[in-house]
Amino acid sequence: MSDLLGLSHQQQQQAAERINQLRAERGLSMAEAVKIVVAELKAQHQEQQ
């Protein structure tokens, strides 16, 4: 996860919004939503390389 620490402020805001969206829409816990968002961010990062 260390490569995710370089997120810009905007990316951090988008991640927080996505976490809140998942929690609201799917009724997920914070941990579950964070896990999904981290996986999405990792996939996006790998696609860009």
Protein backbone atom coordinates (compact mmCIF):
# COMPACT_ATOMS: atom_id res chain seq x y z
CA MET A 1 0.00 0.00 0.00
CA SER A 2 3.00 2.30 0.25
CA ASP A 3 2.65 3.27 -3.41
CA LEU A 4 -0.83 4.63 -2.61
CA LEU A 5 0.54 7.13 -0.12
CA GLY A 6 1.40 9.48 -2.96
CA LEU A 7 -2.24 10.38 -3.65
CA SER A 8 -2.96 14.02 -4.38
CA HIS A 9 -5.45 15.88 -2.25
CA GLN A 10 -8.03 15.58 -5.03
CA GLN A 11 -7.46 11.83 -5.29
CA GLN A 12 -7.82 11.50 -1.52
CA GLN A 13 -11.11 13.41 -1.67
CA GLN A 14 -12.36 11.18 -4.48
CA ALA A 15 -11.39 8.07 -2.52
CA ALA A 16 -13.24 9.35 0.56
CA GLU A 17 -16.31 10.09 -1.54
CA ARG A 18 -16.17 6.62 -3.09
CA ILE A 19 -15.90 5.03 0.37
CA ASN A 20 -18.95 6.98 1.55
CA GLN A 21 -20.83 6.03 -1.63
CA LEU A 22 -20.13 2.33 -1.11
CA ARG A 23 -21.19 2.52 2.52
CA ALA A 24 -24.45 4.28 1.63
CA GLU A 25 -25.36 2.18 -1.40
CA ARG A 26 -24.28 -1.24 -0.20
CA GLY A 27 -24.41 -0.87 3.57
CA LEU A 28 -20.75 -1.80 3.89
CA SER A 29 -18.62 -1.25 6.96
CA MET A 30 -15.83 1.31 6.74
CA ALA A 31 -13.23 -1.46 6.56
CA GLU A 32 -15.03 -3.24 3.72
CA ALA A 33 -15.44 -0.02 1.73
CA VAL A 34 -11.79 0.96 2.25
CA LYS A 35 -10.68 -2.48 1.10
CA ILE A 36 -12.66 -2.10 -2.14
CA VAL A 37 -11.38 1.42 -2.80
CA VAL A 38 -7.77 0.37 -2.19
CA ALA A 39 -8.21 -2.49 -4.66
CA GLU A 40 -9.68 -0.06 -7.21
CA LEU A 41 -6.80 2.38 -6.72
CA LYS A 42 -4.24 -0.39 -7.11
CA ALA A 43 -5.90 -1.56 -10.33
CA GLN A 44 -5.90 1.99 -11.71
CA HIS A 45 -2.25 2.40 -10.77
CA GLN A 46 -1.28 -0.84 -12.51
CA GLU A 47 -3.19 0.17 -15.66
CA GLN A 48 -1.23 3.41 -15.85
CA GLN A 49 2.13 1.64 -15.82
